[in-house]
C-alpha atoms as a PDB file:
ATOM      1  CA  MET A   1      43.368 126.323 148.899  1.00  0.00           C
ATOM      2  CA  VAL A   2      45.047 129.693 148.391  1.00  0.00           C
ATOM      3  CA  GLU A   3      41.907 131.669 149.211  1.00  0.00           C
ATOM      4  CA  ARG A   4      40.554 129.337 151.884  1.00  0.00           C
ATOM      5  CA  GLU A   5      43.841 129.126 153.803  1.00  0.00           C
ATOM      6  CA  LYS A   6      44.848 132.746 153.113  1.00  0.00           C
ATOM      7  CA  LEU A   7      48.208 131.675 151.675  1.00  0.00           C
ATOM      8  CA  ASP A   8      50.294 132.985 148.832  1.00  0.00           C
ATOM      9  CA  LYS A   9      50.721 130.591 145.905  1.00  0.00           C
ATOM     10  CA  ALA A  10      54.300 129.586 146.760  1.00  0.00           C
ATOM     11  CA  THR A  11      53.326 128.702 150.328  1.00  0.00           C
ATOM     12  CA  ALA A  12      50.305 126.785 149.070  1.00  0.00           C
ATOM     13  CA  VAL A  13      52.466 124.769 146.661  1.00  0.00           C
ATOM     14  CA  ARG A  14      55.018 123.992 149.395  1.00  0.00           C
ATOM     15  CA  THR A  15      52.232 122.896 151.720  1.00  0.00           C
ATOM     16  CA  LEU A  16      50.702 120.607 149.096  1.00  0.00           C
ATOM     17  CA  LEU A  17      54.102 119.112 148.267  1.00  0.00           C
ATOM     18  CA  GLU A  18      54.822 118.453 151.928  1.00  0.00           C
ATOM     19  CA  MET A  19      51.422 116.792 152.364  1.00  0.00           C
ATOM     20  CA  GLY A  20      52.173 114.607 149.361  1.00  0.00           C
ATOM     21  CA  ILE A  21      55.645 113.701 150.616  1.00  0.00           C
ATOM     22  CA  VAL A  22      54.276 112.795 154.058  1.00  0.00           C
ATOM     23  CA  GLU A  23      51.673 110.505 152.483  1.00  0.00           C
ATOM     24  CA  TRP A  24      54.253 109.022 150.109  1.00  0.00           C
ATOM     25  CA  ARG A  25      56.538 108.170 153.065  1.00  0.00           C
ATOM     26  CA  LYS A  26      53.677 106.451 154.871  1.00  0.00           C
ATOM     27  CA  GLN A  27      52.559 104.500 151.814  1.00  0.00           C
ATOM     28  CA  THR A  28      56.100 103.419 150.957  1.00  0.00           C
ATOM     29  CA  ALA A  29      56.728 102.266 154.523  1.00  0.00           C
ATOM     30  CA  LEU A  30      53.470 100.288 154.579  1.00  0.00           C
ATOM     31  CA  GLU A  31      54.260  98.600 151.259  1.00  0.00           C
ATOM     32  CA  LEU A  32      57.784  97.659 152.335  1.00  0.00           C
ATOM     33  CA  LEU A  33      56.461  96.255 155.609  1.00  0.00           C
ATOM     34  CA  ARG A  34      53.674  94.319 153.891  1.00  0.00           C
ATOM     35  CA  ASP A  35      56.155  92.830 151.418  1.00  0.00           C
ATOM     36  CA  GLY A  36      58.487  91.778 154.239  1.00  0.00           C
ATOM     37  CA  LYS A  37      61.334  93.960 152.995  1.00  0.00           C
ATOM     38  CA  VAL A  38      61.781  95.960 156.216  1.00  0.00           C
ATOM     39  CA  THR A  39      61.155  95.479 159.906  1.00  0.00           C
ATOM     40  CA  PHE A  40      58.311  97.196 161.700  1.00  0.00           C
ATOM     41  CA  ALA A  41      60.746  99.617 163.348  1.00  0.00           C
ATOM     42  CA  LYS A  42      62.437 100.450 160.035  1.00  0.00           C
ATOM     43  CA  ALA A  43      59.064 101.060 158.384  1.00  0.00           C
ATOM     44  CA  ALA A  44      58.098 103.444 161.190  1.00  0.00           C
ATOM     45  CA  GLU A  45      61.401 105.244 160.678  1.00  0.00           C
ATOM     46  CA  ILE A  46      60.779 105.542 156.919  1.00  0.00           C
ATOM     47  CA  ALA A  47      57.315 106.943 157.625  1.00  0.00           C
ATOM     48  CA  LYS A  48      58.862 109.326 160.176  1.00  0.00           C
ATOM     49  CA  LEU A  49      56.391 108.176 162.818  1.00  0.00           C
ATOM     50  CA  SER A  50      56.816 106.808 166.311  1.00  0.00           C
ATOM     51  CA  LEU A  51      56.264 103.081 166.701  1.00  0.00           C
ATOM     52  CA  TRP A  52      52.861 103.764 168.295  1.00  0.00           C
ATOM     53  CA  GLU A  53      51.803 106.151 165.545  1.00  0.00           C
ATOM     54  CA  PHE A  54      52.916 103.663 162.916  1.00  0.00           C
ATOM     55  CA  ALA A  55      51.050 100.845 164.665  1.00  0.00           C
ATOM     56  CA  ASP A  56      47.906 102.979 164.509  1.00  0.00           C
ATOM     57  CA  LEU A  57      48.503 103.633 160.800  1.00  0.00           C
ATOM     58  CA  VAL A  58      48.983  99.905 160.097  1.00  0.00           C
ATOM     59  CA  LYS A  59      45.718  99.193 161.899  1.00  0.00           C
ATOM     60  CA  GLN A  60      43.839 102.004 160.119  1.00  0.00           C
ATOM     61  CA  ARG A  61      45.011 100.843 156.694  1.00  0.00           C
ATOM     62  CA  ASN A  62      44.449  97.145 157.511  1.00  0.00           C
ATOM     63  CA  VAL A  63      47.970  96.159 156.489  1.00  0.00           C
ATOM     64  CA  GLU A  64      48.743  92.493 157.044  1.00  0.00           C
ATOM     65  CA  TRP A  65      52.393  92.122 157.907  1.00  0.00           C
ATOM     66  CA  VAL A  66      52.640  89.115 160.206  1.00  0.00           C
ATOM     67  CA  ARG A  67      52.547  85.929 158.207  1.00  0.00           C
ATOM     68  CA  TYR A  68      52.351  83.022 160.601  1.00  0.00           C
ATOM     69  CA  THR A  69      50.294  79.940 159.949  1.00  0.00           C
ATOM     70  CA  PRO A  70      48.106  78.751 162.831  1.00  0.00           C
ATOM     71  CA  GLU A  71      50.551  75.877 163.326  1.00  0.00           C
ATOM     72  CA  GLU A  72      53.513  78.261 163.594  1.00  0.00           C
ATOM     73  CA  ILE A  73      51.683  80.389 166.142  1.00  0.00           C
ATOM     74  CA  GLU A  74      50.785  77.315 168.182  1.00  0.00           C
ATOM     75  CA  LYS A  75      54.413  76.157 168.092  1.00  0.00           C
ATOM     76  CA  GLU A  76      55.633  79.611 169.221  1.00  0.00           C
ATOM     77  CA  PHE A  77      53.205  79.551 172.163  1.00  0.00           C
ATOM     78  CA  ARG A  78      54.257  76.023 173.152  1.00  0.00           C
ATOM     79  CA  GLU A  79      57.940  76.969 173.044  1.00  0.00           C
ATOM     80  CA  ALA A  80      57.359  80.190 174.953  1.00  0.00           C
ATOM     81  CA  SER A  81      55.466  78.436 177.721  1.00  0.00           C
ATOM     82  CA  ALA A  82      57.936  75.527 178.033  1.00  0.00           C
END
């Protein structure tokens, strides 16, 4: 990386650490969301992404975070249309 990016070693290390921290934030946010421990908005905040960017990330990583049974979804639709 040092030679390819034309960086000094300290800058290269900082860059790698930042890349790791960014990925760690995203992964942590996705895990918390998947486990139902945070809201979608809070997970996006943890990941330091906009809601739209986080939605794209959730889709890319195939994270299942809505846990409704078909019956619950049907009930929600009936109540919403009543």
